[in-house]
Amino acid sequence: QLATADLVVIHKTDGLDAATLAQVEAAVRAETPAGVKL
């Protein structure tokens, strides 16, 4: 689902601190084509 994305919506971010969000973004970026906006 990430490999085919043109845009990724990281949802339900309320309540997550900056470090946790960075962790989530790293996991998503690992599978998302370069240049795709999060």
Full PDB file with SEQRES, HELIX, SHEET, SSBOND, CRYST1, ORIGX, SCALE, CONECT and MASTER records, all heavy atoms in Angstrom:
SEQRES   1 A   38  GLN LEU ALA THR ALA ASP LEU VAL VAL ILE HIS LYS THR          
SEQRES   2 A   38  ASP GLY LEU ASP ALA ALA THR LEU ALA GLN VAL GLU ALA          
SEQRES   3 A   38  ALA VAL ARG ALA GLU THR PRO ALA GLY VAL LYS LEU              
HELIX    1 AA1 ALA A   18  ARG A   29  1                                  12    
CRYST1    1.000    1.000    1.000  90.00  90.00  90.00 P 1           1          
ORIGX1      1.000000  0.000000  0.000000        0.00000                         
ORIGX2      0.000000  1.000000  0.000000        0.00000                         
ORIGX3      0.000000  0.000000  1.000000        0.00000                         
SCALE1      1.000000  0.000000  0.000000        0.00000                         
SCALE2      0.000000  1.000000  0.000000        0.00000                         
SCALE3      0.000000  0.000000  1.000000        0.00000                         
ATOM      1  N   GLN A   1       0.828  -1.206   0.000  1.00  0.00           N  
ATOM      2  CA  GLN A   1       0.000   0.000   0.000  1.00  0.00           C  
ATOM      3  C   GLN A   1       0.862   1.256   0.000  1.00  0.00           C  
ATOM      4  O   GLN A   1       0.496   2.270  -0.589  1.00  0.00           O  
ATOM      5  CB  GLN A   1      -0.935  -0.017   1.204  1.00  0.00           C  
ATOM      6  CG  GLN A   1      -2.033  -1.063   1.098  1.00  0.00           C  
ATOM      7  CD  GLN A   1      -2.900  -1.144   2.339  1.00  0.00           C  
ATOM      8  OE1 GLN A   1      -2.526  -0.663   3.407  1.00  0.00           O  
ATOM      9  NE2 GLN A   1      -4.061  -1.768   2.202  1.00  0.00           N  
ATOM     10  N   LEU A   2       2.016   1.204   0.651  1.00  0.00           N  
ATOM     11  CA  LEU A   2       2.933   2.339   0.646  1.00  0.00           C  
ATOM     12  C   LEU A   2       3.699   2.430  -0.672  1.00  0.00           C  
ATOM     13  O   LEU A   2       3.965   3.536  -1.168  1.00  0.00           O  
ATOM     14  CB  LEU A   2       3.912   2.233   1.808  1.00  0.00           C  
ATOM     15  CG  LEU A   2       3.322   2.436   3.206  1.00  0.00           C  
ATOM     16  CD1 LEU A   2       4.381   2.171   4.274  1.00  0.00           C  
ATOM     17  CD2 LEU A   2       2.748   3.840   3.366  1.00  0.00           C  
ATOM     18  N   ALA A   3       4.033   1.296  -1.261  1.00  0.00           N  
ATOM     19  CA  ALA A   3       4.825   1.288  -2.490  1.00  0.00           C  
ATOM     20  C   ALA A   3       4.084   1.898  -3.667  1.00  0.00           C  
ATOM     21  O   ALA A   3       4.705   2.346  -4.639  1.00  0.00           O  
ATOM     22  CB  ALA A   3       5.247  -0.140  -2.827  1.00  0.00           C  
ATOM     23  N   THR A   4       2.763   1.924  -3.601  1.00  0.00           N  
ATOM     24  CA  THR A   4       1.968   2.453  -4.706  1.00  0.00           C  
ATOM     25  C   THR A   4       1.475   3.885  -4.445  1.00  0.00           C  
ATOM     26  O   THR A   4       0.744   4.438  -5.256  1.00  0.00           O  
ATOM     27  CB  THR A   4       0.748   1.557  -4.960  1.00  0.00           C  
ATOM     28  OG1 THR A   4      -0.004   1.429  -3.744  1.00  0.00           O  
ATOM     29  CG2 THR A   4       1.179   0.170  -5.422  1.00  0.00           C  
ATOM     30  N   ALA A   5       1.895   4.496  -3.340  1.00  0.00           N  
ATOM     31  CA  ALA A   5       1.311   5.770  -2.907  1.00  0.00           C  
ATOM     32  C   ALA A   5       1.896   6.972  -3.642  1.00  0.00           C  
ATOM     33  O   ALA A   5       3.083   7.011  -3.963  1.00  0.00           O  
ATOM     34  CB  ALA A   5       1.505   5.953  -1.406  1.00  0.00           C  
ATOM     35  N   ASP A   6       1.026   7.957  -3.878  1.00  0.00           N  
ATOM     36  CA  ASP A   6       1.444   9.290  -4.322  1.00  0.00           C  
ATOM     37  C   ASP A   6       1.382  10.289  -3.170  1.00  0.00           C  
ATOM     38  O   ASP A   6       2.006  11.348  -3.230  1.00  0.00           O  
ATOM     39  CB  ASP A   6       0.537   9.778  -5.463  1.00  0.00           C  
ATOM     40  CG  ASP A   6       0.648   8.892  -6.683  1.00  0.00           C  
ATOM     41  OD1 ASP A   6       1.655   8.998  -7.394  1.00  0.00           O  
ATOM     42  OD2 ASP A   6      -0.281   8.092  -6.923  1.00  0.00           O  
ATOM     43  N   LEU A   7       0.610   9.959  -2.132  1.00  0.00           N  
ATOM     44  CA  LEU A   7       0.494  10.770  -0.929  1.00  0.00           C  
ATOM     45  C   LEU A   7       0.201   9.818   0.227  1.00  0.00           C  
ATOM     46  O   LEU A   7      -0.613   8.903   0.088  1.00  0.00           O  
ATOM     47  CB  LEU A   7      -0.641  11.793  -1.063  1.00  0.00           C  
ATOM     48  CG  LEU A   7      -0.976  12.622   0.186  1.00  0.00           C  
ATOM     49  CD1 LEU A   7       0.118  13.648   0.455  1.00  0.00           C  
ATOM     50  CD2 LEU A   7      -2.328  13.343   0.011  1.00  0.00           C  
ATOM     51  N   VAL A   8       0.854  10.021   1.369  1.00  0.00           N  
ATOM     52  CA  VAL A   8       0.595   9.210   2.553  1.00  0.00           C  
ATOM     53  C   VAL A   8       0.025  10.109   3.639  1.00  0.00           C  
ATOM     54  O   VAL A   8       0.633  11.123   3.998  1.00  0.00           O  
ATOM     55  CB  VAL A   8       1.870   8.514   3.064  1.00  0.00           C  
ATOM     56  CG1 VAL A   8       1.576   7.727   4.345  1.00  0.00           C  
ATOM     57  CG2 VAL A   8       2.432   7.570   2.002  1.00  0.00           C  
ATOM     58  N   VAL A   9      -1.153   9.731   4.155  1.00  0.00           N  
ATOM     59  CA  VAL A   9      -1.772  10.441   5.267  1.00  0.00           C  
ATOM     60  C   VAL A   9      -1.467   9.649   6.538  1.00  0.00           C  
ATOM     61  O   VAL A   9      -1.964   8.538   6.712  1.00  0.00           O  
ATOM     62  CB  VAL A   9      -3.294  10.576   5.073  1.00  0.00           C  
ATOM     63  CG1 VAL A   9      -3.919  11.238   6.298  1.00  0.00           C  
ATOM     64  CG2 VAL A   9      -3.599  11.377   3.812  1.00  0.00           C  
ATOM     65  N   ILE A  10      -0.626  10.212   7.401  1.00  0.00           N  
ATOM     66  CA  ILE A  10      -0.333   9.580   8.693  1.00  0.00           C  
ATOM     67  C   ILE A  10      -1.422  10.039   9.651  1.00  0.00           C  
ATOM     68  O   ILE A  10      -1.443  11.183  10.086  1.00  0.00           O  
ATOM     69  CB  ILE A  10       1.071   9.959   9.177  1.00  0.00           C  
ATOM     70  CG1 ILE A  10       2.110   9.469   8.159  1.00  0.00           C  
ATOM     71  CG2 ILE A  10       1.352   9.338  10.541  1.00  0.00           C  
ATOM     72  CD1 ILE A  10       3.541   9.765   8.548  1.00  0.00           C  
ATOM     73  N   HIS A  11      -2.330   9.131   9.945  1.00  0.00           N  
ATOM     74  CA  HIS A  11      -3.600   9.467  10.589  1.00  0.00           C  
ATOM     75  C   HIS A  11      -3.546   9.191  12.090  1.00  0.00           C  
ATOM     76  O   HIS A  11      -2.733   8.410  12.556  1.00  0.00           O  
ATOM     77  CB  HIS A  11      -4.712   8.639   9.932  1.00  0.00           C  
ATOM     78  CG  HIS A  11      -6.070   9.218  10.101  1.00  0.00           C  
ATOM     79  ND1 HIS A  11      -7.190   8.446  10.227  1.00  0.00           N  
ATOM     80  CD2 HIS A  11      -6.507  10.511  10.165  1.00  0.00           C  
ATOM     81  CE1 HIS A  11      -8.255   9.216  10.344  1.00  0.00           C  
ATOM     82  NE2 HIS A  11      -7.859  10.471  10.324  1.00  0.00           N  
ATOM     83  N   LYS A  12      -4.436   9.856  12.821  1.00  0.00           N  
ATOM     84  CA  LYS A  12      -4.578   9.688  14.273  1.00  0.00           C  
ATOM     85  C   LYS A  12      -3.300  10.104  15.012  1.00  0.00           C  
ATOM     86  O   LYS A  12      -2.851   9.437  15.947  1.00  0.00           O  
ATOM     87  CB  LYS A  12      -4.940   8.240  14.627  1.00  0.00           C  
ATOM     88  CG  LYS A  12      -6.145   7.679  13.874  1.00  0.00           C  
ATOM     89  CD  LYS A  12      -6.378   6.239  14.246  1.00  0.00           C  
ATOM     90  CE  LYS A  12      -7.477   5.608  13.412  1.00  0.00           C  
ATOM     91  NZ  LYS A  12      -7.679   4.183  13.715  1.00  0.00           N  
ATOM     92  N   THR A  13      -2.716  11.223  14.603  1.00  0.00           N  
ATOM     93  CA  THR A  13      -1.459  11.665  15.191  1.00  0.00           C  
ATOM     94  C   THR A  13      -1.642  12.400  16.514  1.00  0.00           C  
ATOM     95  O   THR A  13      -0.662  12.627  17.230  1.00  0.00           O  
ATOM     96  CB  THR A  13      -0.705  12.589  14.220  1.00  0.00           C  
ATOM     97  OG1 THR A  13      -1.553  13.700  13.870  1.00  0.00           O  
ATOM     98  CG2 THR A  13      -0.313  11.843  12.955  1.00  0.00           C  
ATOM     99  N   ASP A  14      -2.863  12.790  16.847  1.00  0.00           N  
ATOM    100  CA  ASP A  14      -3.085  13.482  18.107  1.00  0.00           C  
ATOM    101  C   ASP A  14      -2.730  12.569  19.272  1.00  0.00           C  
ATOM    102  O   ASP A  14      -3.093  11.399  19.302  1.00  0.00           O  
ATOM    103  CB  ASP A  14      -4.547  13.948  18.219  1.00  0.00           C  
ATOM    104  CG  ASP A  14      -5.540  12.871  17.821  1.00  0.00           C  
ATOM    105  OD1 ASP A  14      -5.239  12.134  16.873  1.00  0.00           O  
ATOM    106  OD2 ASP A  14      -6.602  12.760  18.462  1.00  0.00           O  
ATOM    107  N   GLY A  15      -1.997  13.099  20.218  1.00  0.00           N  
ATOM    108  CA  GLY A  15      -1.599  12.315  21.374  1.00  0.00           C  
ATOM    109  C   GLY A  15      -0.232  11.671  21.245  1.00  0.00           C  
ATOM    110  O   GLY A  15       0.286  11.126  22.227  1.00  0.00           O  
ATOM    111  N   LEU A  16       0.366  11.708  20.059  1.00  0.00           N  
ATOM    112  CA  LEU A  16       1.695  11.139  19.867  1.00  0.00           C  
ATOM    113  C   LEU A  16       2.741  12.249  19.974  1.00  0.00           C  
ATOM    114  O   LEU A  16       2.582  13.316  19.389  1.00  0.00           O  
ATOM    115  CB  LEU A  16       1.802  10.458  18.500  1.00  0.00           C  
ATOM    116  CG  LEU A  16       0.836   9.294  18.234  1.00  0.00           C  
ATOM    117  CD1 LEU A  16       1.128   8.674  16.880  1.00  0.00           C  
ATOM    118  CD2 LEU A  16       0.931   8.240  19.330  1.00  0.00           C  
ATOM    119  N   ASP A  17       3.819  12.001  20.705  1.00  0.00           N  
ATOM    120  CA  ASP A  17       4.850  13.022  20.848  1.00  0.00           C  
ATOM    121  C   ASP A  17       5.753  13.041  19.616  1.00  0.00           C  
ATOM    122  O   ASP A  17       5.651  12.198  18.720  1.00  0.00           O  
ATOM    123  CB  ASP A  17       5.664  12.800  22.121  1.00  0.00           C  
ATOM    124  CG  ASP A  17       6.321  11.416  22.171  1.00  0.00           C  
ATOM    125  OD1 ASP A  17       6.679  10.884  21.112  1.00  0.00           O  
ATOM    126  OD2 ASP A  17       6.468  10.884  23.286  1.00  0.00           O  
ATOM    127  N   ALA A  18       6.660  14.024  19.581  1.00  0.00           N  
ATOM    128  CA  ALA A  18       7.499  14.232  18.396  1.00  0.00           C  
ATOM    129  C   ALA A  18       8.378  13.022  18.112  1.00  0.00           C  
ATOM    130  O   ALA A  18       8.567  12.642  16.943  1.00  0.00           O  
ATOM    131  CB  ALA A  18       8.347  15.489  18.584  1.00  0.00           C  
ATOM    132  N   ALA A  19       8.927  12.407  19.159  1.00  0.00           N  
ATOM    133  CA  ALA A  19       9.800  11.256  18.952  1.00  0.00           C  
ATOM    134  C   ALA A  19       9.032  10.076  18.353  1.00  0.00           C  
ATOM    135  O   ALA A  19       9.522   9.374  17.465  1.00  0.00           O  
ATOM    136  CB  ALA A  19      10.452  10.854  20.276  1.00  0.00           C  
ATOM    137  N   THR A  20       7.814   9.867  18.840  1.00  0.00           N  
ATOM    138  CA  THR A  20       6.997   8.769  18.328  1.00  0.00           C  
ATOM    139  C   THR A  20       6.604   9.019  16.881  1.00  0.00           C  
ATOM    140  O   THR A  20       6.638   8.107  16.041  1.00  0.00           O  
ATOM    141  CB  THR A  20       5.742   8.579  19.196  1.00  0.00           C  
ATOM    142  OG1 THR A  20       6.130   8.359  20.549  1.00  0.00           O  
ATOM    143  CG2 THR A  20       4.929   7.390  18.707  1.00  0.00           C  
ATOM    144  N   LEU A  21       6.232  10.261  16.568  1.00  0.00           N  
ATOM    145  CA  LEU A  21       5.887  10.595  15.184  1.00  0.00           C  
ATOM    146  C   LEU A  21       7.091  10.387  14.262  1.00  0.00           C  
ATOM    147  O   LEU A  21       6.930   9.914  13.131  1.00  0.00           O  
ATOM    148  CB  LEU A  21       5.401  12.037  15.099  1.00  0.00           C  
ATOM    149  CG  LEU A  21       3.963  12.283  15.546  1.00  0.00           C  
ATOM    150  CD1 LEU A  21       3.644  13.777  15.529  1.00  0.00           C  
ATOM    151  CD2 LEU A  21       2.976  11.532  14.650  1.00  0.00           C  
ATOM    152  N   ALA A  22       8.265  10.734  14.737  1.00  0.00           N  
ATOM    153  CA  ALA A  22       9.469  10.516  13.930  1.00  0.00           C  
ATOM    154  C   ALA A  22       9.687   9.029  13.671  1.00  0.00           C  
ATOM    155  O   ALA A  22      10.090   8.623  12.574  1.00  0.00           O  
ATOM    156  CB  ALA A  22      10.680  11.119  14.635  1.00  0.00           C  
ATOM    157  N   GLN A  23       9.412   8.207  14.683  1.00  0.00           N  
ATOM    158  CA  GLN A  23       9.526   6.758  14.525  1.00  0.00           C  
ATOM    159  C   GLN A  23       8.545   6.252  13.472  1.00  0.00           C  
ATOM    160  O   GLN A  23       8.888   5.426  12.618  1.00  0.00           O  
ATOM    161  CB  GLN A  23       9.255   6.079  15.859  1.00  0.00           C  
ATOM    162  CG  GLN A  23       9.118   4.570  15.791  1.00  0.00           C  
ATOM    163  CD  GLN A  23       8.486   3.978  17.045  1.00  0.00           C  
ATOM    164  OE1 GLN A  23       8.429   4.637  18.083  1.00  0.00           O  
ATOM    165  NE2 GLN A  23       7.997   2.758  16.936  1.00  0.00           N  
ATOM    166  N   VAL A  24       7.295   6.746  13.535  1.00  0.00           N  
ATOM    167  CA  VAL A  24       6.283   6.335  12.561  1.00  0.00           C  
ATOM    168  C   VAL A  24       6.696   6.760  11.153  1.00  0.00           C  
ATOM    169  O   VAL A  24       6.598   5.990  10.197  1.00  0.00           O  
ATOM    170  CB  VAL A  24       4.914   6.934  12.938  1.00  0.00           C  
ATOM    171  CG1 VAL A  24       3.897   6.689  11.825  1.00  0.00           C  
ATOM    172  CG2 VAL A  24       4.413   6.356  14.253  1.00  0.00           C  
ATOM    173  N   GLU A  25       7.156   8.005  11.017  1.00  0.00           N  
ATOM    174  CA  GLU A  25       7.569   8.487   9.704  1.00  0.00           C  
ATOM    175  C   GLU A  25       8.717   7.666   9.143  1.00  0.00           C  
ATOM    176  O   GLU A  25       8.764   7.387   7.941  1.00  0.00           O  
ATOM    177  CB  GLU A  25       7.955   9.965   9.780  1.00  0.00           C  
ATOM    178  CG  GLU A  25       6.778  10.909   9.922  1.00  0.00           C  
ATOM    179  CD  GLU A  25       7.113  12.324   9.486  1.00  0.00           C  
ATOM    180  OE1 GLU A  25       8.268  12.546   9.049  1.00  0.00           O  
ATOM    181  OE2 GLU A  25       6.233  13.205   9.565  1.00  0.00           O  
ATOM    182  N   ALA A  26       9.666   7.268   9.999  1.00  0.00           N  
ATOM    183  CA  ALA A  26      10.789   6.454   9.535  1.00  0.00           C  
ATOM    184  C   ALA A  26      10.313   5.114   8.989  1.00  0.00           C  
ATOM    185  O   ALA A  26      10.794   4.639   7.951  1.00  0.00           O  
ATOM    186  CB  ALA A  26      11.790   6.247  10.671  1.00  0.00           C  
ATOM    187  N   ALA A  27       9.346   4.496   9.687  1.00  0.00           N  
ATOM    188  CA  ALA A  27       8.811   3.217   9.231  1.00  0.00           C  
ATOM    189  C   ALA A  27       8.088   3.371   7.895  1.00  0.00           C  
ATOM    190  O   ALA A  27       8.191   2.517   7.015  1.00  0.00           O  
ATOM    191  CB  ALA A  27       7.867   2.646  10.285  1.00  0.00           C  
ATOM    192  N   VAL A  28       7.365   4.466   7.745  1.00  0.00           N  
ATOM    193  CA  VAL A  28       6.639   4.705   6.497  1.00  0.00           C  
ATOM    194  C   VAL A  28       7.606   5.033   5.366  1.00  0.00           C  
ATOM    195  O   VAL A  28       7.493   4.508   4.251  1.00  0.00           O  
ATOM    196  CB  VAL A  28       5.616   5.844   6.694  1.00  0.00           C  
ATOM    197  CG1 VAL A  28       5.013   6.264   5.358  1.00  0.00           C  
ATOM    198  CG2 VAL A  28       4.512   5.404   7.654  1.00  0.00           C  
ATOM    199  N   ARG A  29       8.575   5.888   5.648  1.00  0.00           N  
ATOM    200  CA  ARG A  29       9.544   6.286   4.617  1.00  0.00           C  
ATOM    201  C   ARG A  29      10.312   5.084   4.069  1.00  0.00           C  
ATOM    202  O   ARG A  29      10.696   5.071   2.895  1.00  0.00           O  
ATOM    203  CB  ARG A  29      10.537   7.288   5.196  1.00  0.00           C  
ATOM    204  CG  ARG A  29      10.001   8.696   5.375  1.00  0.00           C  
ATOM    205  CD  ARG A  29       9.875   9.401   4.049  1.00  0.00           C  
ATOM    206  NE  ARG A  29       9.476  10.799   4.207  1.00  0.00           N  
ATOM    207  CZ  ARG A  29       8.886  11.507   3.268  1.00  0.00           C  
ATOM    208  NH1 ARG A  29       8.598  10.930   2.100  1.00  0.00           N  
ATOM    209  NH2 ARG A  29       8.563  12.763   3.472  1.00  0.00           N  
ATOM    210  N   ALA A  30      10.548   4.087   4.915  1.00  0.00           N  
ATOM    211  CA  ALA A  30      11.315   2.919   4.491  1.00  0.00           C  
ATOM    212  C   ALA A  30      10.642   2.170   3.351  1.00  0.00           C  
ATOM    213  O   ALA A  30      11.303   1.447   2.601  1.00  0.00           O  
ATOM    214  CB  ALA A  30      11.536   1.980   5.673  1.00  0.00           C  
ATOM    215  N   GLU A  31       9.320   2.335   3.200  1.00  0.00           N  
ATOM    216  CA  GLU A  31       8.573   1.584   2.184  1.00  0.00           C  
ATOM    217  C   GLU A  31       7.910   2.482   1.159  1.00  0.00           C  
ATOM    218  O   GLU A  31       7.184   1.993   0.289  1.00  0.00           O  
ATOM    219  CB  GLU A  31       7.506   0.720   2.864  1.00  0.00           C  
ATOM    220  CG  GLU A  31       8.033  -0.228   3.918  1.00  0.00           C  
ATOM    221  CD  GLU A  31       9.066  -1.196   3.373  1.00  0.00           C  
ATOM    222  OE1 GLU A  31       9.028  -1.491   2.162  1.00  0.00           O  
ATOM    223  OE2 GLU A  31       9.918  -1.643   4.158  1.00  0.00           O  
ATOM    224  N   THR A  32       8.141   3.780   1.226  1.00  0.00           N  
ATOM    225  CA  THR A  32       7.458   4.731   0.348  1.00  0.00           C  
ATOM    226  C   THR A  32       8.418   5.245  -0.719  1.00  0.00           C  
ATOM    227  O   THR A  32       9.572   5.542  -0.405  1.00  0.00           O  
ATOM    228  CB  THR A  32       6.917   5.921   1.168  1.00  0.00           C  
ATOM    229  OG1 THR A  32       6.089   5.417   2.217  1.00  0.00           O  
ATOM    230  CG2 THR A  32       6.092   6.847   0.303  1.00  0.00           C  
ATOM    231  N   PRO A  33       7.975   5.351  -1.981  1.00  0.00           N  
ATOM    232  CA  PRO A  33       8.864   5.876  -3.024  1.00  0.00           C  
ATOM    233  C   PRO A  33       9.393   7.267  -2.686  1.00  0.00           C  
ATOM    234  O   PRO A  33       8.718   8.060  -2.018  1.00  0.00           O  
ATOM    235  CB  PRO A  33       7.950   5.918  -4.262  1.00  0.00           C  
ATOM    236  CG  PRO A  33       6.891   4.897  -3.987  1.00  0.00           C  
ATOM    237  CD  PRO A  33       6.670   4.941  -2.507  1.00  0.00           C  
ATOM    238  N   ALA A  34      10.597   7.556  -3.143  1.00  0.00           N  
ATOM    239  CA  ALA A  34      11.210   8.861  -2.895  1.00  0.00           C  
ATOM    240  C   ALA A  34      10.335   9.966  -3.468  1.00  0.00           C  
ATOM    241  O   ALA A  34       9.758   9.833  -4.559  1.00  0.00           O  
ATOM    242  CB  ALA A  34      12.601   8.905  -3.522  1.00  0.00           C  
ATOM    243  N   GLY A  35      10.224  11.045  -2.718  1.00  0.00           N  
ATOM    244  CA  GLY A  35       9.476  12.204  -3.188  1.00  0.00           C  
ATOM    245  C   GLY A  35       8.013  12.209  -2.822  1.00  0.00           C  
ATOM    246  O   GLY A  35       7.324  13.206  -3.052  1.00  0.00           O  
ATOM    247  N   VAL A  36       7.508  11.110  -2.264  1.00  0.00           N  
ATOM    248  CA  VAL A  36       6.099  11.063  -1.863  1.00  0.00           C  
ATOM    249  C   VAL A  36       5.919  11.862  -0.581  1.00  0.00           C  
ATOM    250  O   VAL A  36       6.655  11.680   0.388  1.00  0.00           O  
ATOM    251  CB  VAL A  36       5.632   9.614  -1.664  1.00  0.00           C  
ATOM    252  CG1 VAL A  36       4.242   9.560  -1.037  1.00  0.00           C  
ATOM    253  CG2 VAL A  36       5.638   8.874  -2.996  1.00  0.00           C  
ATOM    254  N   LYS A  37       4.938  12.737  -0.558  1.00  0.00           N  
ATOM    255  CA  LYS A  37       4.704  13.613   0.579  1.00  0.00           C  
ATOM    256  C   LYS A  37       3.971  12.874   1.691  1.00  0.00           C  
ATOM    257  O   LYS A  37       3.049  12.098   1.424  1.00  0.00           O  
ATOM    258  CB  LYS A  37       3.882  14.832   0.150  1.00  0.00           C  
ATOM    259  CG  LYS A  37       3.656  15.874   1.252  1.00  0.00           C  
ATOM    260  CD  LYS A  37       2.894  17.076   0.697  1.00  0.00           C  
ATOM    261  CE  LYS A  37       2.625  18.106   1.778  1.00  0.00           C  
ATOM    262  NZ  LYS A  37       3.859  18.684   2.340  1.00  0.00           N  
ATOM    263  N   LEU A  38       4.389  13.103   2.943  1.00  0.00           N  
ATOM    264  CA  LEU A  38       3.692  12.588   4.116  1.00  0.00           C  
ATOM    265  C   LEU A  38       3.000  13.754   4.822  1.00  0.00           C  
ATOM    266  O   LEU A  38       3.612  14.796   5.055  1.00  0.00           O  
ATOM    267  CB  LEU A  38       4.659  11.925   5.100  1.00  0.00           C  
ATOM    268  CG  LEU A  38       5.642  10.878   4.573  1.00  0.00           C  
ATOM    269  CD1 LEU A  38       6.419  10.258   5.737  1.00  0.00           C  
ATOM    270  CD2 LEU A  38       4.939   9.806   3.771  1.00  0.00           C  
TER     271      LEU A  38                                                      
MASTER        0    0    0    1    0    0    0    6  270    1    0    3          
END                                                                             
